[in-house]
């Protein structure tokens, strides 16, 4: 049985109970972070905390813990579950409805292991397909990591029923936006290209780090509008998120990207991030 942190207390995974009036449960009012654990340590933890607190401020969600307190709770959750390589999920909701007796926010931290991504994924590359849902680039939620995640889940399930690893969203203007659990990058003539924020995407932590790495390595990189036509013309593609790092993407809708093998720049960036 795993140990879960609920509002600072550590309980067995069969013990936690959420108030039925919790606004996260009722309305999806909450935020979350998924954090890579590597060699028993939460990777890029400060980046995750910065995003969490920034997003909470934007939606008026109070986090009743300091960063140092949250770090201690995350580390304790890792230790109590003996996680060497895996992930931590940190969720904070708005707590009970204001009409209820308790309106305090709810914090839940739990761990998972092992990771879903294996060495073979990086060696062979992953597949994706275009979702049957359009990403609303005008939504105020699209740039926040909220627990209102059903659209992503439905797109992911759509992909899985077709044998794809990931689903890719176009926005309402027909431009490429992001994956259901990832950001997407194209490489063309040695330049790394990714959709800009205005296309309707969560600007991921690894996305930001990849753009910084490109500058450091002298690789041209650009954020801009990407059409479907450009996807098919790409020399290589890759996906990013906090758990996979940089993942080569070799097929979309069953069609090969270039020669259908992980590209040079994808492999180089993955090596630089040293996640796989």
C-alpha atoms as a PDB file:
ATOM      1  CA  UNK A   1       0.000   0.000   0.000  1.00  0.00           C
ATOM      2  CA  UNK A   2       1.351   3.412  -0.964  1.00  0.00           C
ATOM      3  CA  UNK A   3       1.626   6.409   1.333  1.00  0.00           C
ATOM      4  CA  UNK A   4      -0.222   9.571   0.310  1.00  0.00           C
ATOM      5  CA  UNK A   5       0.146  13.082   1.679  1.00  0.00           C
ATOM      6  CA  UNK A   6      -3.181  14.814   2.330  1.00  0.00           C
ATOM      7  CA  UNK A   7      -3.031  18.356   3.708  1.00  0.00           C
ATOM      8  CA  UNK A   8       0.340  17.652   5.305  1.00  0.00           C
ATOM      9  CA  UNK A   9      -0.604  14.328   6.903  1.00  0.00           C
ATOM     10  CA  UNK A  10       0.658  10.970   5.629  1.00  0.00           C
ATOM     11  CA  UNK A  11      -1.933   8.241   5.197  1.00  0.00           C
ATOM     12  CA  UNK A  12      -2.319   4.892   3.501  1.00  0.00           C
ATOM     13  CA  UNK A  13      -3.640   5.169  -0.047  1.00  0.00           C
ATOM     14  CA  UNK A  14      -6.876   3.455   1.057  1.00  0.00           C
ATOM     15  CA  UNK A  15      -7.522   6.074   3.746  1.00  0.00           C
ATOM     16  CA  UNK A  16      -7.796   9.542   2.146  1.00  0.00           C
ATOM     17  CA  UNK A  17     -11.280  10.978   1.800  1.00  0.00           C
ATOM     18  CA  UNK A  18     -12.275  14.110  -0.096  1.00  0.00           C
ATOM     19  CA  UNK A  19     -15.185  16.233   1.037  1.00  0.00           C
ATOM     20  CA  UNK A  20     -18.015  15.691  -1.502  1.00  0.00           C
ATOM     21  CA  UNK A  21     -18.367  19.481  -1.700  1.00  0.00           C
ATOM     22  CA  UNK A  22     -14.728  19.897  -2.760  1.00  0.00           C
ATOM     23  CA  UNK A  23     -14.627  22.356  -5.665  1.00  0.00           C
ATOM     24  CA  UNK A  24     -11.968  20.299  -7.402  1.00  0.00           C
ATOM     25  CA  UNK A  25     -14.323  17.326  -7.408  1.00  0.00           C
ATOM     26  CA  UNK A  26     -17.406  19.358  -8.320  1.00  0.00           C
ATOM     27  CA  UNK A  27     -15.983  21.792 -10.855  1.00  0.00           C
ATOM     28  CA  UNK A  28     -12.394  20.864 -11.676  1.00  0.00           C
ATOM     29  CA  UNK A  29     -11.232  23.930  -9.722  1.00  0.00           C
ATOM     30  CA  UNK A  30      -7.607  23.121  -8.984  1.00  0.00           C
ATOM     31  CA  UNK A  31      -4.066  22.817 -10.268  1.00  0.00           C
ATOM     32  CA  UNK A  32      -1.514  20.051 -10.453  1.00  0.00           C
ATOM     33  CA  UNK A  33       2.143  19.396 -11.188  1.00  0.00           C
ATOM     34  CA  UNK A  34       3.691  16.119 -12.311  1.00  0.00           C
ATOM     35  CA  UNK A  35       7.313  15.956 -11.214  1.00  0.00           C
ATOM     36  CA  UNK A  36      10.024  13.578 -12.361  1.00  0.00           C
ATOM     37  CA  UNK A  37      11.811  11.677  -9.595  1.00  0.00           C
ATOM     38  CA  UNK A  38      15.316  10.641 -10.543  1.00  0.00           C
ATOM     39  CA  UNK A  39      17.686   8.916  -8.147  1.00  0.00           C
ATOM     40  CA  UNK A  40      15.249   9.719  -5.361  1.00  0.00           C
ATOM     41  CA  UNK A  41      15.213  13.472  -6.017  1.00  0.00           C
ATOM     42  CA  UNK A  42      12.395  15.644  -7.480  1.00  0.00           C
ATOM     43  CA  UNK A  43      13.759  17.038 -10.749  1.00  0.00           C
ATOM     44  CA  UNK A  44      13.297  20.723 -11.649  1.00  0.00           C
ATOM     45  CA  UNK A  45      11.228  21.153  -8.506  1.00  0.00           C
ATOM     46  CA  UNK A  46      11.686  24.923  -8.300  1.00  0.00           C
ATOM     47  CA  UNK A  47      10.356  25.319 -11.842  1.00  0.00           C
ATOM     48  CA  UNK A  48       7.254  23.331 -10.857  1.00  0.00           C
ATOM     49  CA  UNK A  49       6.702  25.391  -7.720  1.00  0.00           C
ATOM     50  CA  UNK A  50       7.124  28.651  -9.637  1.00  0.00           C
ATOM     51  CA  UNK A  51       4.469  27.603 -12.139  1.00  0.00           C
ATOM     52  CA  UNK A  52       2.141  26.313  -9.427  1.00  0.00           C
ATOM     53  CA  UNK A  53       2.216  29.522  -7.376  1.00  0.00           C
ATOM     54  CA  UNK A  54       1.990  31.739 -10.461  1.00  0.00           C
ATOM     55  CA  UNK A  55      -1.033  29.812 -11.779  1.00  0.00           C
ATOM     56  CA  UNK A  56      -2.696  29.797  -8.355  1.00  0.00           C
ATOM     57  CA  UNK A  57      -2.469  33.579  -8.220  1.00  0.00           C
ATOM     58  CA  UNK A  58      -4.113  33.877 -11.644  1.00  0.00           C
ATOM     59  CA  UNK A  59      -7.165  31.836 -10.644  1.00  0.00           C
ATOM     60  CA  UNK A  60      -7.428  33.093  -7.058  1.00  0.00           C
ATOM     61  CA  UNK A  61      -6.436  29.790  -5.467  1.00  0.00           C
ATOM     62  CA  UNK A  62      -4.738  29.972  -2.068  1.00  0.00           C
ATOM     63  CA  UNK A  63      -1.887  27.543  -1.367  1.00  0.00           C
ATOM     64  CA  UNK A  64      -1.685  27.185   2.432  1.00  0.00           C
ATOM     65  CA  UNK A  65       1.924  25.955   2.381  1.00  0.00           C
ATOM     66  CA  UNK A  66       5.210  27.700   1.728  1.00  0.00           C
ATOM     67  CA  UNK A  67       7.596  26.458  -0.952  1.00  0.00           C
ATOM     68  CA  UNK A  68       9.924  25.030   1.706  1.00  0.00           C
ATOM     69  CA  UNK A  69       7.010  23.195   3.346  1.00  0.00           C
ATOM     70  CA  UNK A  70       5.867  21.782   0.010  1.00  0.00           C
ATOM     71  CA  UNK A  71       9.398  20.635  -0.784  1.00  0.00           C
ATOM     72  CA  UNK A  72       9.597  18.800   2.536  1.00  0.00           C
ATOM     73  CA  UNK A  73       6.237  17.120   1.919  1.00  0.00           C
ATOM     74  CA  UNK A  74       7.290  16.069  -1.592  1.00  0.00           C
ATOM     75  CA  UNK A  75      10.587  14.654  -0.321  1.00  0.00           C
ATOM     76  CA  UNK A  76       8.813  12.796   2.478  1.00  0.00           C
ATOM     77  CA  UNK A  77       6.354  11.287   0.001  1.00  0.00           C
ATOM     78  CA  UNK A  78       9.259  10.115  -2.150  1.00  0.00           C
ATOM     79  CA  UNK A  79      11.062   8.610   0.845  1.00  0.00           C
ATOM     80  CA  UNK A  80       8.011   6.932   2.370  1.00  0.00           C
ATOM     81  CA  UNK A  81       7.252   5.234  -0.952  1.00  0.00           C
ATOM     82  CA  UNK A  82      10.894   4.338  -1.696  1.00  0.00           C
ATOM     83  CA  UNK A  83      10.772   5.987  -5.113  1.00  0.00           C
ATOM     84  CA  UNK A  84      14.107   5.965  -6.900  1.00  0.00           C
ATOM     85  CA  UNK A  85      12.866   6.551 -10.457  1.00  0.00           C
ATOM     86  CA  UNK A  86       9.270   7.583 -10.974  1.00  0.00           C
ATOM     87  CA  UNK A  87       7.035  10.586 -10.524  1.00  0.00           C
ATOM     88  CA  UNK A  88       5.224  12.704  -7.971  1.00  0.00           C
ATOM     89  CA  UNK A  89       1.798  14.182  -8.581  1.00  0.00           C
ATOM     90  CA  UNK A  90       1.019  17.301  -6.518  1.00  0.00           C
ATOM     91  CA  UNK A  91      -2.602  18.491  -6.627  1.00  0.00           C
ATOM     92  CA  UNK A  92      -4.133  21.515  -4.944  1.00  0.00           C
ATOM     93  CA  UNK A  93      -7.872  22.232  -5.114  1.00  0.00           C
ATOM     94  CA  UNK A  94     -10.053  25.103  -3.939  1.00  0.00           C
ATOM     95  CA  UNK A  95     -11.472  22.980  -1.133  1.00  0.00           C
ATOM     96  CA  UNK A  96     -15.131  22.878  -0.198  1.00  0.00           C
ATOM     97  CA  UNK A  97     -17.808  25.115  -1.602  1.00  0.00           C
ATOM     98  CA  UNK A  98     -18.157  28.385   0.305  1.00  0.00           C
ATOM     99  CA  UNK A  99     -21.523  27.289   1.623  1.00  0.00           C
ATOM    100  CA  UNK A 100     -19.870  24.380   3.439  1.00  0.00           C
ATOM    101  CA  UNK A 101     -18.361  24.499   6.905  1.00  0.00           C
ATOM    102  CA  UNK A 102     -14.786  24.144   5.614  1.00  0.00           C
ATOM    103  CA  UNK A 103     -13.409  26.113   2.671  1.00  0.00           C
ATOM    104  CA  UNK A 104      -9.717  25.345   3.172  1.00  0.00           C
ATOM    105  CA  UNK A 105      -7.849  24.244   0.026  1.00  0.00           C
ATOM    106  CA  UNK A 106      -6.988  20.557  -0.274  1.00  0.00           C
ATOM    107  CA  UNK A 107      -3.443  19.365  -0.994  1.00  0.00           C
ATOM    108  CA  UNK A 108      -2.776  15.812  -2.207  1.00  0.00           C
ATOM    109  CA  UNK A 109       0.682  14.407  -3.041  1.00  0.00           C
ATOM    110  CA  UNK A 110       1.281  10.857  -4.224  1.00  0.00           C
ATOM    111  CA  UNK A 111       3.943   8.954  -6.118  1.00  0.00           C
ATOM    112  CA  UNK A 112       4.080   6.535  -9.047  1.00  0.00           C
ATOM    113  CA  UNK A 113       6.750   4.155 -10.263  1.00  0.00           C
ATOM    114  CA  UNK A 114       8.139   3.075 -12.623  1.00  0.00           C
ATOM    115  CA  UNK A 115       7.957   5.648 -15.420  1.00  0.00           C
ATOM    116  CA  UNK A 116       5.801   4.886 -18.464  1.00  0.00           C
ATOM    117  CA  UNK A 117       8.652   5.691 -20.855  1.00  0.00           C
ATOM    118  CA  UNK A 118      11.292   3.048 -21.554  1.00  0.00           C
ATOM    119  CA  UNK A 119      14.646   2.976 -23.320  1.00  0.00           C
ATOM    120  CA  UNK A 120      12.917   1.468 -26.367  1.00  0.00           C
ATOM    121  CA  UNK A 121      10.649   4.503 -26.645  1.00  0.00           C
ATOM    122  CA  UNK A 122      13.673   6.777 -27.036  1.00  0.00           C
ATOM    123  CA  UNK A 123      15.449   4.365 -29.351  1.00  0.00           C
ATOM    124  CA  UNK A 124      12.495   3.741 -31.672  1.00  0.00           C
ATOM    125  CA  UNK A 125      10.498   6.916 -31.220  1.00  0.00           C
ATOM    126  CA  UNK A 126       6.804   7.367 -30.466  1.00  0.00           C
ATOM    127  CA  UNK A 127       3.742   7.731 -32.660  1.00  0.00           C
ATOM    128  CA  UNK A 128       0.918  10.258 -32.610  1.00  0.00           C
ATOM    129  CA  UNK A 129      -2.207  11.244 -34.492  1.00  0.00           C
ATOM    130  CA  UNK A 130      -4.399  14.289 -34.844  1.00  0.00           C
ATOM    131  CA  UNK A 131      -7.155  14.569 -32.244  1.00  0.00           C
ATOM    132  CA  UNK A 132     -10.785  14.915 -33.269  1.00  0.00           C
ATOM    133  CA  UNK A 133     -11.098  17.829 -30.806  1.00  0.00           C
ATOM    134  CA  UNK A 134      -9.954  21.375 -31.558  1.00  0.00           C
ATOM    135  CA  UNK A 135      -7.948  23.249 -28.939  1.00  0.00           C
ATOM    136  CA  UNK A 136      -9.593  26.547 -27.966  1.00  0.00           C
ATOM    137  CA  UNK A 137      -6.693  28.990 -28.094  1.00  0.00           C
ATOM    138  CA  UNK A 138      -8.917  31.713 -26.569  1.00  0.00           C
ATOM    139  CA  UNK A 139      -9.649  29.815 -23.341  1.00  0.00           C
ATOM    140  CA  UNK A 140      -8.068  31.276 -20.178  1.00  0.00           C
ATOM    141  CA  UNK A 141      -7.486  27.716 -18.932  1.00  0.00           C
ATOM    142  CA  UNK A 142      -5.378  26.445 -21.821  1.00  0.00           C
ATOM    143  CA  UNK A 143      -2.145  28.018 -20.512  1.00  0.00           C
ATOM    144  CA  UNK A 144      -2.673  26.709 -16.964  1.00  0.00           C
ATOM    145  CA  UNK A 145      -2.101  23.185 -15.653  1.00  0.00           C
ATOM    146  CA  UNK A 146      -5.566  22.722 -14.196  1.00  0.00           C
ATOM    147  CA  UNK A 147      -7.234  19.508 -13.054  1.00  0.00           C
ATOM    148  CA  UNK A 148      -9.997  20.274 -15.572  1.00  0.00           C
ATOM    149  CA  UNK A 149      -8.350  17.726 -17.881  1.00  0.00           C
ATOM    150  CA  UNK A 150     -11.189  15.837 -19.555  1.00  0.00           C
ATOM    151  CA  UNK A 151     -10.533  17.235 -23.037  1.00  0.00           C
ATOM    152  CA  UNK A 152      -6.944  15.966 -22.869  1.00  0.00           C
ATOM    153  CA  UNK A 153      -8.064  12.587 -21.538  1.00  0.00           C
ATOM    154  CA  UNK A 154     -10.611  12.122 -24.311  1.00  0.00           C
ATOM    155  CA  UNK A 155      -8.022  13.015 -26.955  1.00  0.00           C
ATOM    156  CA  UNK A 156      -5.515  10.604 -25.404  1.00  0.00           C
ATOM    157  CA  UNK A 157      -8.060   7.783 -25.389  1.00  0.00           C
ATOM    158  CA  UNK A 158      -8.950   8.573 -29.005  1.00  0.00           C
ATOM    159  CA  UNK A 159      -5.273   8.171 -29.890  1.00  0.00           C
ATOM    160  CA  UNK A 160      -4.876   4.944 -27.952  1.00  0.00           C
ATOM    161  CA  UNK A 161      -7.860   3.308 -29.665  1.00  0.00           C
ATOM    162  CA  UNK A 162      -6.002   3.884 -32.933  1.00  0.00           C
ATOM    163  CA  UNK A 163      -2.712   2.501 -31.660  1.00  0.00           C
ATOM    164  CA  UNK A 164      -1.011   5.893 -31.277  1.00  0.00           C
ATOM    165  CA  UNK A 165       1.014   6.971 -28.246  1.00  0.00           C
ATOM    166  CA  UNK A 166      -0.129  10.598 -28.249  1.00  0.00           C
ATOM    167  CA  UNK A 167      -2.837  12.885 -29.641  1.00  0.00           C
ATOM    168  CA  UNK A 168      -1.993  16.218 -31.278  1.00  0.00           C
ATOM    169  CA  UNK A 169      -4.332  19.202 -31.169  1.00  0.00           C
ATOM    170  CA  UNK A 170      -4.949  21.769 -33.853  1.00  0.00           C
ATOM    171  CA  UNK A 171      -6.574  24.975 -32.618  1.00  0.00           C
ATOM    172  CA  UNK A 172      -9.786  26.536 -33.900  1.00  0.00           C
ATOM    173  CA  UNK A 173      -7.786  28.409 -36.561  1.00  0.00           C
ATOM    174  CA  UNK A 174      -6.366  25.156 -37.906  1.00  0.00           C
ATOM    175  CA  UNK A 175      -2.850  25.677 -36.573  1.00  0.00           C
ATOM    176  CA  UNK A 176      -0.821  23.155 -34.571  1.00  0.00           C
ATOM    177  CA  UNK A 177      -1.079  23.670 -30.800  1.00  0.00           C
ATOM    178  CA  UNK A 178       0.197  20.844 -28.562  1.00  0.00           C
ATOM    179  CA  UNK A 179      -0.185  17.218 -27.568  1.00  0.00           C
ATOM    180  CA  UNK A 180      -2.653  15.891 -25.001  1.00  0.00           C
ATOM    181  CA  UNK A 181       0.217  15.452 -22.509  1.00  0.00           C
ATOM    182  CA  UNK A 182       3.098  17.126 -24.313  1.00  0.00           C
ATOM    183  CA  UNK A 183       4.451  20.044 -26.285  1.00  0.00           C
ATOM    184  CA  UNK A 184       5.458  19.401 -29.881  1.00  0.00           C
ATOM    185  CA  UNK A 185       8.508  20.533 -31.846  1.00  0.00           C
ATOM    186  CA  UNK A 186       9.419  20.310 -35.522  1.00  0.00           C
ATOM    187  CA  UNK A 187      12.881  20.434 -37.028  1.00  0.00           C
ATOM    188  CA  UNK A 188      13.335  21.815 -40.542  1.00  0.00           C
ATOM    189  CA  UNK A 189      16.679  22.573 -42.192  1.00  0.00           C
ATOM    190  CA  UNK A 190      18.418  22.461 -38.825  1.00  0.00           C
ATOM    191  CA  UNK A 191      15.969  24.868 -37.125  1.00  0.00           C
ATOM    192  CA  UNK A 192      13.842  23.846 -34.128  1.00  0.00           C
ATOM    193  CA  UNK A 193      10.282  25.193 -34.363  1.00  0.00           C
ATOM    194  CA  UNK A 194       7.450  25.008 -31.829  1.00  0.00           C
ATOM    195  CA  UNK A 195       3.982  26.622 -31.718  1.00  0.00           C
ATOM    196  CA  UNK A 196       3.904  29.949 -29.896  1.00  0.00           C
ATOM    197  CA  UNK A 197       1.759  30.380 -26.786  1.00  0.00           C
ATOM    198  CA  UNK A 198      -0.989  32.188 -28.653  1.00  0.00           C
ATOM    199  CA  UNK A 199      -1.848  28.931 -30.464  1.00  0.00           C
ATOM    200  CA  UNK A 200      -3.440  27.523 -27.304  1.00  0.00           C
ATOM    201  CA  UNK A 201      -0.995  25.460 -25.291  1.00  0.00           C
ATOM    202  CA  UNK A 202       0.457  24.897 -21.862  1.00  0.00           C
ATOM    203  CA  UNK A 203       3.996  26.300 -22.047  1.00  0.00           C
ATOM    204  CA  UNK A 204       5.726  23.311 -20.473  1.00  0.00           C
ATOM    205  CA  UNK A 205       8.829  23.406 -18.315  1.00  0.00           C
ATOM    206  CA  UNK A 206      10.827  21.160 -20.657  1.00  0.00           C
ATOM    207  CA  UNK A 207       9.614  23.220 -23.619  1.00  0.00           C
ATOM    208  CA  UNK A 208      11.222  26.268 -22.024  1.00  0.00           C
ATOM    209  CA  UNK A 209      14.424  24.395 -21.190  1.00  0.00           C
ATOM    210  CA  UNK A 210      14.685  23.007 -24.734  1.00  0.00           C
ATOM    211  CA  UNK A 211      14.510  26.522 -26.169  1.00  0.00           C
ATOM    212  CA  UNK A 212      17.258  27.615 -23.763  1.00  0.00           C
ATOM    213  CA  UNK A 213      19.369  24.562 -24.674  1.00  0.00           C
ATOM    214  CA  UNK A 214      19.022  25.367 -28.364  1.00  0.00           C
ATOM    215  CA  UNK A 215      20.429  28.846 -27.760  1.00  0.00           C
ATOM    216  CA  UNK A 216      23.306  27.418 -25.693  1.00  0.00           C
ATOM    217  CA  UNK A 217      24.104  24.826 -28.371  1.00  0.00           C
ATOM    218  CA  UNK A 218      23.865  27.263 -31.251  1.00  0.00           C
ATOM    219  CA  UNK A 219      20.789  25.543 -32.722  1.00  0.00           C
ATOM    220  CA  UNK A 220      18.364  28.019 -34.363  1.00  0.00           C
ATOM    221  CA  UNK A 221      15.001  27.920 -32.600  1.00  0.00           C
ATOM    222  CA  UNK A 222      11.715  29.717 -33.124  1.00  0.00           C
ATOM    223  CA  UNK A 223       8.219  29.936 -31.644  1.00  0.00           C
ATOM    224  CA  UNK A 224       5.554  30.662 -34.280  1.00  0.00           C
ATOM    225  CA  UNK A 225       2.418  29.502 -36.074  1.00  0.00           C
ATOM    226  CA  UNK A 226       2.783  26.014 -37.601  1.00  0.00           C
ATOM    227  CA  UNK A 227       0.439  24.709 -40.291  1.00  0.00           C
ATOM    228  CA  UNK A 228      -0.447  21.068 -40.913  1.00  0.00           C
ATOM    229  CA  UNK A 229       1.481  21.222 -44.189  1.00  0.00           C
ATOM    230  CA  UNK A 230       4.679  22.047 -42.280  1.00  0.00           C
ATOM    231  CA  UNK A 231       4.215  19.003 -40.050  1.00  0.00           C
ATOM    232  CA  UNK A 232       4.370  16.693 -43.078  1.00  0.00           C
ATOM    233  CA  UNK A 233       7.388  18.538 -44.458  1.00  0.00           C
ATOM    234  CA  UNK A 234       9.410  18.339 -41.205  1.00  0.00           C
ATOM    235  CA  UNK A 235      12.830  16.653 -41.165  1.00  0.00           C
ATOM    236  CA  UNK A 236      12.077  15.381 -37.666  1.00  0.00           C
ATOM    237  CA  UNK A 237       9.633  15.918 -34.798  1.00  0.00           C
ATOM    238  CA  UNK A 238       9.800  15.440 -31.058  1.00  0.00           C
ATOM    239  CA  UNK A 239       7.592  15.751 -27.980  1.00  0.00           C
ATOM    240  CA  UNK A 240       8.428  17.106 -24.542  1.00  0.00           C
ATOM    241  CA  UNK A 241       7.073  16.955 -21.022  1.00  0.00           C
ATOM    242  CA  UNK A 242       8.533  16.751 -17.541  1.00  0.00           C
ATOM    243  CA  UNK A 243       8.575  12.947 -17.414  1.00  0.00           C
ATOM    244  CA  UNK A 244       9.666  12.060 -20.953  1.00  0.00           C
ATOM    245  CA  UNK A 245      12.108  14.921 -21.456  1.00  0.00           C
ATOM    246  CA  UNK A 246      12.676  14.961 -25.227  1.00  0.00           C
ATOM    247  CA  UNK A 247      10.932  12.102 -27.033  1.00  0.00           C
ATOM    248  CA  UNK A 248      11.413  11.476 -30.774  1.00  0.00           C
ATOM    249  CA  UNK A 249       8.153  11.422 -32.729  1.00  0.00           C
ATOM    250  CA  UNK A 250       8.499   9.247 -35.822  1.00  0.00           C
ATOM    251  CA  UNK A 251       4.951   8.740 -37.134  1.00  0.00           C
ATOM    252  CA  UNK A 252       1.788  10.840 -37.292  1.00  0.00           C
ATOM    253  CA  UNK A 253      -1.529   9.326 -38.378  1.00  0.00           C
ATOM    254  CA  UNK A 254       0.433   6.230 -39.404  1.00  0.00           C
ATOM    255  CA  UNK A 255       2.680   8.192 -41.786  1.00  0.00           C
ATOM    256  CA  UNK A 256       6.424   8.432 -41.282  1.00  0.00           C
ATOM    257  CA  UNK A 257       8.082  11.724 -40.433  1.00  0.00           C
ATOM    258  CA  UNK A 258      11.055  11.867 -42.833  1.00  0.00           C
ATOM    259  CA  UNK A 259      12.655   8.392 -42.686  1.00  0.00           C
ATOM    260  CA  UNK A 260      10.602   7.321 -39.671  1.00  0.00           C
ATOM    261  CA  UNK A 261      13.557   7.232 -37.276  1.00  0.00           C
ATOM    262  CA  UNK A 262      14.584   9.493 -34.359  1.00  0.00           C
ATOM    263  CA  UNK A 263      16.397  12.544 -35.689  1.00  0.00           C
ATOM    264  CA  UNK A 264      19.838  13.891 -34.887  1.00  0.00           C
ATOM    265  CA  UNK A 265      18.628  17.019 -33.078  1.00  0.00           C
ATOM    266  CA  UNK A 266      16.033  15.087 -31.060  1.00  0.00           C
ATOM    267  CA  UNK A 267      18.720  12.686 -29.865  1.00  0.00           C
ATOM    268  CA  UNK A 268      21.152  15.492 -29.105  1.00  0.00           C
ATOM    269  CA  UNK A 269      18.657  17.466 -27.035  1.00  0.00           C
ATOM    270  CA  UNK A 270      17.554  14.356 -25.167  1.00  0.00           C
ATOM    271  CA  UNK A 271      21.168  13.591 -24.353  1.00  0.00           C
ATOM    272  CA  UNK A 272      21.694  17.147 -23.112  1.00  0.00           C
ATOM    273  CA  UNK A 273      18.686  16.917 -20.789  1.00  0.00           C
ATOM    274  CA  UNK A 274      19.795  13.447 -19.601  1.00  0.00           C
ATOM    275  CA  UNK A 275      16.313  12.234 -18.641  1.00  0.00           C
ATOM    276  CA  UNK A 276      15.967   8.990 -20.618  1.00  0.00           C
END
